[in-house]
Amino acid sequence: MARKKALPRMALFLNHPECSAQCSVGMYEALYSSFDIEFFGKEDFNGRIFKSADIIAFPGGIGDSETFHKYIGDNKYYVQDAIARGVHYLGICMGAYWAGSHYFDIVEGFDVVQYIKRPRSGIKRSFATTVPVYWYAEQVDMFFYDGCTFLGSDKYYYPVARYKNSDPMAVIQNRIGLIGCHPESMKSWYTNDKMKLKWHEFYHHKLLLDFTKTLMEC
């Protein structure tokens, strides 16, 4: 009998509320079928957690630069070292912001910026909503809360999804995958009647899983 292939190991950051438990759980629900997921917190930044991981994942949350330096600080070097050794990185919303030059500084040739400050963004303040995005050629309405976009030439990354104004929403650069919206969103996030009409019946979880599998092939 053939031995079952081991699942890739994912280290998933959880530090509520700065890295939201809701976001972490949503990522777990979307990805656990194809990844062996271990949660880790701010006290777990060390060689062990990353030496055994194939991919490090950082979810969304309410953090800013002060939050990053308070909870991550010099621990960023563990992440930078892991990426240099060939570990993959998945960042959603705040986790995607953290890949930028002011934080982990692990992307090249572009930076991570607020979408709501971009021309023709169609949304200019921070609140829970959905925005139309083009995931490959398919238009979907995806959960959004002050998510990011990526400023730079497409030659530096592969754009998987774009916002309506054509700014990139989800990109892959080598072993780093970044997403501005929340494909991991759960039904409980869609709280009012207008939002409930946009609930995706877990279809966006499939998009996130496909994105992450593609990332692991890089």
C-alpha atoms as a PDB file:
ATOM      1  CA  MET A   1       0.000   0.000   0.000  1.00  0.00           C
ATOM      2  CA  ALA A   2       1.364   3.407  -0.980  1.00  0.00           C
ATOM      3  CA  ARG A   3       2.186   5.697   1.920  1.00  0.00           C
ATOM      4  CA  LYS A   4      -0.017   8.792   2.108  1.00  0.00           C
ATOM      5  CA  LYS A   5       1.914  11.940   1.230  1.00  0.00           C
ATOM      6  CA  ALA A   6       2.366  14.304   4.157  1.00  0.00           C
ATOM      7  CA  LEU A   7       0.587  17.638   3.913  1.00  0.00           C
ATOM      8  CA  PRO A   8       2.669  20.827   3.702  1.00  0.00           C
ATOM      9  CA  ARG A   9       3.132  22.360   7.160  1.00  0.00           C
ATOM     10  CA  MET A  10       1.748  25.846   7.744  1.00  0.00           C
ATOM     11  CA  ALA A  11       2.613  28.091  10.708  1.00  0.00           C
ATOM     12  CA  LEU A  12      -0.411  30.412  11.146  1.00  0.00           C
ATOM     13  CA  PHE A  13      -0.028  33.508  13.336  1.00  0.00           C
ATOM     14  CA  LEU A  14      -2.699  34.240  15.947  1.00  0.00           C
ATOM     15  CA  ASN A  15      -2.516  37.244  18.245  1.00  0.00           C
ATOM     16  CA  HIS A  16      -6.065  38.479  18.862  1.00  0.00           C
ATOM     17  CA  PRO A  17      -7.230  41.169  18.337  1.00  0.00           C
ATOM     18  CA  GLU A  18      -4.202  42.580  16.473  1.00  0.00           C
ATOM     19  CA  CYS A  19      -4.188  39.495  14.259  1.00  0.00           C
ATOM     20  CA  SER A  20      -7.847  38.629  14.408  1.00  0.00           C
ATOM     21  CA  ALA A  21      -8.930  35.219  15.656  1.00  0.00           C
ATOM     22  CA  GLN A  22     -11.772  35.467  13.135  1.00  0.00           C
ATOM     23  CA  CYS A  23      -9.299  35.848  10.289  1.00  0.00           C
ATOM     24  CA  SER A  24      -7.062  33.060  11.560  1.00  0.00           C
ATOM     25  CA  VAL A  25     -10.005  30.686  11.977  1.00  0.00           C
ATOM     26  CA  GLY A  26     -11.300  31.609   8.522  1.00  0.00           C
ATOM     27  CA  MET A  27      -7.901  30.808   7.025  1.00  0.00           C
ATOM     28  CA  TYR A  28      -7.824  27.522   8.927  1.00  0.00           C
ATOM     29  CA  GLU A  29     -11.290  26.550   7.664  1.00  0.00           C
ATOM     30  CA  ALA A  30     -10.313  27.356   4.076  1.00  0.00           C
ATOM     31  CA  LEU A  31      -6.949  25.579   4.111  1.00  0.00           C
ATOM     32  CA  TYR A  32      -6.908  22.722   6.640  1.00  0.00           C
ATOM     33  CA  SER A  33      -7.925  20.110   4.054  1.00  0.00           C
ATOM     34  CA  SER A  34      -4.613  20.554   2.231  1.00  0.00           C
ATOM     35  CA  PHE A  35      -2.246  21.838   4.945  1.00  0.00           C
ATOM     36  CA  ASP A  36      -1.063  20.655   8.353  1.00  0.00           C
ATOM     37  CA  ILE A  37      -1.700  23.895  10.261  1.00  0.00           C
ATOM     38  CA  GLU A  38      -0.076  24.911  13.561  1.00  0.00           C
ATOM     39  CA  PHE A  39      -1.039  28.178  15.234  1.00  0.00           C
ATOM     40  CA  PHE A  40       1.690  30.278  16.822  1.00  0.00           C
ATOM     41  CA  GLY A  41       1.697  33.504  18.845  1.00  0.00           C
ATOM     42  CA  LYS A  42       4.062  36.379  19.562  1.00  0.00           C
ATOM     43  CA  GLU A  43       5.852  34.290  22.195  1.00  0.00           C
ATOM     44  CA  ASP A  44       6.626  31.558  19.657  1.00  0.00           C
ATOM     45  CA  PHE A  45       8.916  33.453  17.288  1.00  0.00           C
ATOM     46  CA  ASN A  46      11.925  31.190  17.281  1.00  0.00           C
ATOM     47  CA  GLY A  47      13.828  28.843  15.062  1.00  0.00           C
ATOM     48  CA  ARG A  48      11.659  25.812  15.856  1.00  0.00           C
ATOM     49  CA  ILE A  49       8.347  27.125  14.557  1.00  0.00           C
ATOM     50  CA  PHE A  50       9.809  28.187  11.237  1.00  0.00           C
ATOM     51  CA  LYS A  51      12.314  25.366  10.735  1.00  0.00           C
ATOM     52  CA  SER A  52       9.449  22.879  10.563  1.00  0.00           C
ATOM     53  CA  ALA A  53       7.162  25.043   8.399  1.00  0.00           C
ATOM     54  CA  ASP A  54       6.784  24.987   4.637  1.00  0.00           C
ATOM     55  CA  ILE A  55       4.750  28.191   4.706  1.00  0.00           C
ATOM     56  CA  ILE A  56       4.223  31.010   7.226  1.00  0.00           C
ATOM     57  CA  ALA A  57       0.827  32.721   7.179  1.00  0.00           C
ATOM     58  CA  PHE A  58      -0.196  36.075   8.651  1.00  0.00           C
ATOM     59  CA  PRO A  59      -3.916  36.969   8.718  1.00  0.00           C
ATOM     60  CA  GLY A  60      -5.766  40.254   8.841  1.00  0.00           C
ATOM     61  CA  GLY A  61      -6.370  42.316  11.943  1.00  0.00           C
ATOM     62  CA  ILE A  62      -6.463  45.819  13.346  1.00  0.00           C
ATOM     63  CA  GLY A  63      -2.729  46.371  13.600  1.00  0.00           C
ATOM     64  CA  ASP A  64      -0.628  49.257  12.353  1.00  0.00           C
ATOM     65  CA  SER A  65       3.069  50.087  12.398  1.00  0.00           C
ATOM     66  CA  GLU A  66       3.016  50.527  16.182  1.00  0.00           C
ATOM     67  CA  THR A  67       1.386  47.121  16.576  1.00  0.00           C
ATOM     68  CA  PHE A  68       3.995  45.473  14.369  1.00  0.00           C
ATOM     69  CA  HIS A  69       6.926  46.891  16.286  1.00  0.00           C
ATOM     70  CA  LYS A  70       5.299  46.073  19.629  1.00  0.00           C
ATOM     71  CA  TYR A  71       4.443  42.448  18.892  1.00  0.00           C
ATOM     72  CA  ILE A  72       6.967  41.535  16.200  1.00  0.00           C
ATOM     73  CA  GLY A  73       9.921  43.923  16.512  1.00  0.00           C
ATOM     74  CA  ASP A  74      13.258  42.226  16.001  1.00  0.00           C
ATOM     75  CA  ASN A  75      11.457  38.903  15.585  1.00  0.00           C
ATOM     76  CA  LYS A  76      11.015  39.972  11.972  1.00  0.00           C
ATOM     77  CA  TYR A  77      14.477  38.544  11.335  1.00  0.00           C
ATOM     78  CA  TYR A  78      13.154  35.029  11.981  1.00  0.00           C
ATOM     79  CA  VAL A  79      10.664  35.545   9.158  1.00  0.00           C
ATOM     80  CA  GLN A  80      13.244  37.095   6.841  1.00  0.00           C
ATOM     81  CA  ASP A  81      15.611  34.190   7.492  1.00  0.00           C
ATOM     82  CA  ALA A  82      12.868  31.647   6.834  1.00  0.00           C
ATOM     83  CA  ILE A  83      11.992  33.271   3.505  1.00  0.00           C
ATOM     84  CA  ALA A  84      15.676  33.309   2.540  1.00  0.00           C
ATOM     85  CA  ARG A  85      15.846  29.565   3.304  1.00  0.00           C
ATOM     86  CA  GLY A  86      12.942  28.798   0.975  1.00  0.00           C
ATOM     87  CA  VAL A  87       9.887  28.944   3.257  1.00  0.00           C
ATOM     88  CA  HIS A  88       6.759  30.415   1.635  1.00  0.00           C
ATOM     89  CA  TYR A  89       4.802  33.402   2.961  1.00  0.00           C
ATOM     90  CA  LEU A  90       1.045  33.988   2.779  1.00  0.00           C
ATOM     91  CA  GLY A  91      -0.330  37.343   3.914  1.00  0.00           C
ATOM     92  CA  ILE A  92      -3.948  38.497   3.895  1.00  0.00           C
ATOM     93  CA  CYS A  93      -4.894  42.159   4.488  1.00  0.00           C
ATOM     94  CA  MET A  94      -2.697  43.157   7.443  1.00  0.00           C
ATOM     95  CA  GLY A  95      -0.515  40.126   6.784  1.00  0.00           C
ATOM     96  CA  ALA A  96      -0.031  41.445   3.257  1.00  0.00           C
ATOM     97  CA  TYR A  97       0.795  44.950   4.530  1.00  0.00           C
ATOM     98  CA  TRP A  98       3.433  43.365   6.769  1.00  0.00           C
ATOM     99  CA  ALA A  99       5.323  42.026   3.758  1.00  0.00           C
ATOM    100  CA  GLY A 100       6.088  45.627   2.732  1.00  0.00           C
ATOM    101  CA  SER A 101       9.136  47.813   3.183  1.00  0.00           C
ATOM    102  CA  HIS A 102       8.189  49.202   6.611  1.00  0.00           C
ATOM    103  CA  TYR A 103       7.689  45.772   8.201  1.00  0.00           C
ATOM    104  CA  PHE A 104       9.146  42.390   7.170  1.00  0.00           C
ATOM    105  CA  ASP A 105      10.544  43.980   3.990  1.00  0.00           C
ATOM    106  CA  ILE A 106      10.442  40.747   1.999  1.00  0.00           C
ATOM    107  CA  VAL A 107       9.093  41.886  -1.395  1.00  0.00           C
ATOM    108  CA  GLU A 108      11.168  43.353  -4.196  1.00  0.00           C
ATOM    109  CA  GLY A 109      10.338  45.991  -6.793  1.00  0.00           C
ATOM    110  CA  PHE A 110       6.984  47.054  -5.348  1.00  0.00           C
ATOM    111  CA  ASP A 111       5.382  48.110  -2.081  1.00  0.00           C
ATOM    112  CA  VAL A 112       2.128  47.529  -0.226  1.00  0.00           C
ATOM    113  CA  VAL A 113      -0.235  50.508   0.177  1.00  0.00           C
ATOM    114  CA  GLN A 114      -3.809  51.303   1.224  1.00  0.00           C
ATOM    115  CA  TYR A 115      -6.317  50.702  -1.524  1.00  0.00           C
ATOM    116  CA  ILE A 116      -8.750  53.344  -0.229  1.00  0.00           C
ATOM    117  CA  LYS A 117      -6.166  56.051  -0.982  1.00  0.00           C
ATOM    118  CA  ARG A 118      -5.745  55.001  -4.578  1.00  0.00           C
ATOM    119  CA  PRO A 119      -7.354  56.851  -7.548  1.00  0.00           C
ATOM    120  CA  ARG A 120     -10.797  55.558  -8.510  1.00  0.00           C
ATOM    121  CA  SER A 121     -10.873  53.118  -5.599  1.00  0.00           C
ATOM    122  CA  GLY A 122     -14.598  53.741  -5.120  1.00  0.00           C
ATOM    123  CA  ILE A 123     -14.236  53.436  -1.349  1.00  0.00           C
ATOM    124  CA  LYS A 124     -12.526  56.089   0.739  1.00  0.00           C
ATOM    125  CA  ARG A 125     -12.868  55.070   4.385  1.00  0.00           C
ATOM    126  CA  SER A 126     -12.358  52.011   6.576  1.00  0.00           C
ATOM    127  CA  PHE A 127     -15.417  49.866   7.210  1.00  0.00           C
ATOM    128  CA  ALA A 128     -16.591  46.316   6.559  1.00  0.00           C
ATOM    129  CA  THR A 129     -18.040  45.960   3.084  1.00  0.00           C
ATOM    130  CA  THR A 130     -17.605  44.016  -0.131  1.00  0.00           C
ATOM    131  CA  VAL A 131     -15.858  45.223  -3.265  1.00  0.00           C
ATOM    132  CA  PRO A 132     -15.977  43.870  -6.813  1.00  0.00           C
ATOM    133  CA  VAL A 133     -12.744  42.192  -7.818  1.00  0.00           C
ATOM    134  CA  TYR A 134     -11.660  40.233 -10.871  1.00  0.00           C
ATOM    135  CA  TRP A 135     -10.153  36.914  -9.819  1.00  0.00           C
ATOM    136  CA  TYR A 136      -8.513  35.921 -13.062  1.00  0.00           C
ATOM    137  CA  ALA A 137     -11.406  36.677 -15.472  1.00  0.00           C
ATOM    138  CA  GLU A 138     -14.209  36.080 -12.970  1.00  0.00           C
ATOM    139  CA  GLN A 139     -15.872  38.979 -11.150  1.00  0.00           C
ATOM    140  CA  VAL A 140     -16.697  38.298  -7.502  1.00  0.00           C
ATOM    141  CA  ASP A 141     -17.732  40.553  -4.618  1.00  0.00           C
ATOM    142  CA  MET A 142     -15.195  39.952  -1.848  1.00  0.00           C
ATOM    143  CA  PHE A 143     -15.153  41.009   1.808  1.00  0.00           C
ATOM    144  CA  PHE A 144     -13.009  44.102   2.346  1.00  0.00           C
ATOM    145  CA  TYR A 145     -11.852  46.060   5.393  1.00  0.00           C
ATOM    146  CA  ASP A 146      -9.168  48.658   4.634  1.00  0.00           C
ATOM    147  CA  GLY A 147      -7.264  46.192   2.513  1.00  0.00           C
ATOM    148  CA  CYS A 148      -4.135  46.839   0.501  1.00  0.00           C
ATOM    149  CA  THR A 149      -2.999  47.012  -3.068  1.00  0.00           C
ATOM    150  CA  PHE A 150       0.471  46.750  -4.573  1.00  0.00           C
ATOM    151  CA  LEU A 151       2.297  49.711  -6.057  1.00  0.00           C
ATOM    152  CA  GLY A 152       4.808  48.881  -8.758  1.00  0.00           C
ATOM    153  CA  SER A 153       5.156  47.272 -12.142  1.00  0.00           C
ATOM    154  CA  ASP A 154       3.481  43.946 -12.916  1.00  0.00           C
ATOM    155  CA  LYS A 155       6.882  42.666 -14.040  1.00  0.00           C
ATOM    156  CA  TYR A 156       7.750  42.137 -10.367  1.00  0.00           C
ATOM    157  CA  TYR A 157       4.825  39.850  -9.528  1.00  0.00           C
ATOM    158  CA  TYR A 158       2.066  37.714 -11.001  1.00  0.00           C
ATOM    159  CA  PRO A 159      -1.355  39.359 -10.514  1.00  0.00           C
ATOM    160  CA  VAL A 160      -3.999  36.768  -9.642  1.00  0.00           C
ATOM    161  CA  ALA A 161      -6.775  39.278  -8.923  1.00  0.00           C
ATOM    162  CA  ARG A 162      -7.472  42.971  -9.467  1.00  0.00           C
ATOM    163  CA  TYR A 163      -9.786  45.557  -8.010  1.00  0.00           C
ATOM    164  CA  LYS A 164     -12.338  47.276 -10.239  1.00  0.00           C
ATOM    165  CA  ASN A 165      -9.929  50.182 -10.895  1.00  0.00           C
ATOM    166  CA  SER A 166      -7.356  47.635 -12.194  1.00  0.00           C
ATOM    167  CA  ASP A 167      -5.048  47.911  -9.161  1.00  0.00           C
ATOM    168  CA  PRO A 168      -3.737  44.466  -8.173  1.00  0.00           C
ATOM    169  CA  MET A 169      -5.612  42.812  -5.296  1.00  0.00           C
ATOM    170  CA  ALA A 170      -3.825  39.446  -5.057  1.00  0.00           C
ATOM    171  CA  VAL A 171      -0.284  38.797  -6.251  1.00  0.00           C
ATOM    172  CA  ILE A 172       2.435  36.182  -6.120  1.00  0.00           C
ATOM    173  CA  GLN A 173       6.131  37.051  -6.177  1.00  0.00           C
ATOM    174  CA  ASN A 174       8.349  33.982  -6.053  1.00  0.00           C
ATOM    175  CA  ARG A 175       7.401  32.274  -2.742  1.00  0.00           C
ATOM    176  CA  ILE A 176       5.374  35.216  -1.381  1.00  0.00           C
ATOM    177  CA  GLY A 177       1.599  35.422  -1.860  1.00  0.00           C
ATOM    178  CA  LEU A 178      -0.330  38.541  -0.810  1.00  0.00           C
ATOM    179  CA  ILE A 179      -4.078  39.258  -0.813  1.00  0.00           C
ATOM    180  CA  GLY A 180      -5.749  42.591  -0.006  1.00  0.00           C
ATOM    181  CA  CYS A 181      -9.331  41.395   0.511  1.00  0.00           C
ATOM    182  CA  HIS A 182     -10.627  38.557   2.726  1.00  0.00           C
ATOM    183  CA  PRO A 183     -11.352  35.354   0.776  1.00  0.00           C
ATOM    184  CA  GLU A 184     -11.270  33.548   4.155  1.00  0.00           C
ATOM    185  CA  SER A 185     -14.380  35.439   5.308  1.00  0.00           C
ATOM    186  CA  MET A 186     -17.015  33.481   7.231  1.00  0.00           C
ATOM    187  CA  LYS A 187     -20.805  33.753   7.111  1.00  0.00           C
ATOM    188  CA  SER A 188     -20.898  35.481  10.525  1.00  0.00           C
ATOM    189  CA  TRP A 189     -18.952  38.426   9.049  1.00  0.00           C
ATOM    190  CA  TYR A 190     -21.879  39.352   6.804  1.00  0.00           C
ATOM    191  CA  THR A 191     -23.938  41.085   9.452  1.00  0.00           C
ATOM    192  CA  ASN A 192     -26.524  43.337   7.749  1.00  0.00           C
ATOM    193  CA  ASP A 193     -29.109  42.543   5.101  1.00  0.00           C
ATOM    194  CA  LYS A 194     -27.090  44.108   2.287  1.00  0.00           C
ATOM    195  CA  MET A 195     -23.965  42.191   3.263  1.00  0.00           C
ATOM    196  CA  LYS A 196     -25.875  38.925   3.652  1.00  0.00           C
ATOM    197  CA  LEU A 197     -26.786  39.054  -0.018  1.00  0.00           C
ATOM    198  CA  LYS A 198     -23.045  38.953  -0.797  1.00  0.00           C
ATOM    199  CA  TRP A 199     -22.274  35.803   1.218  1.00  0.00           C
ATOM    200  CA  HIS A 200     -20.233  33.529  -1.051  1.00  0.00           C
ATOM    201  CA  GLU A 201     -21.294  30.117   0.309  1.00  0.00           C
ATOM    202  CA  PHE A 202     -17.598  29.277   0.943  1.00  0.00           C
ATOM    203  CA  TYR A 203     -16.701  29.729  -2.726  1.00  0.00           C
ATOM    204  CA  HIS A 204     -14.046  32.291  -1.789  1.00  0.00           C
ATOM    205  CA  HIS A 205     -12.456  29.660   0.473  1.00  0.00           C
ATOM    206  CA  LYS A 206     -11.908  27.582  -2.649  1.00  0.00           C
ATOM    207  CA  LEU A 207     -10.268  30.574  -4.350  1.00  0.00           C
ATOM    208  CA  LEU A 208      -7.949  31.014  -1.351  1.00  0.00           C
ATOM    209  CA  LEU A 209      -7.073  27.324  -1.325  1.00  0.00           C
ATOM    210  CA  ASP A 210      -6.299  27.351  -5.060  1.00  0.00           C
ATOM    211  CA  PHE A 211      -4.200  30.516  -4.593  1.00  0.00           C
ATOM    212  CA  THR A 212      -2.198  28.918  -1.776  1.00  0.00           C
ATOM    213  CA  LYS A 213      -1.639  25.700  -3.700  1.00  0.00           C
ATOM    214  CA  THR A 214      -0.361  27.749  -6.642  1.00  0.00           C
ATOM    215  CA  LEU A 215       1.923  29.644  -4.284  1.00  0.00           C
ATOM    216  CA  MET A 216       3.382  26.390  -2.972  1.00  0.00           C
ATOM    217  CA  GLU A 217       4.378  25.426  -6.509  1.00  0.00           C
ATOM    218  CA  CYS A 218       6.597  28.513  -6.815  1.00  0.00           C
END
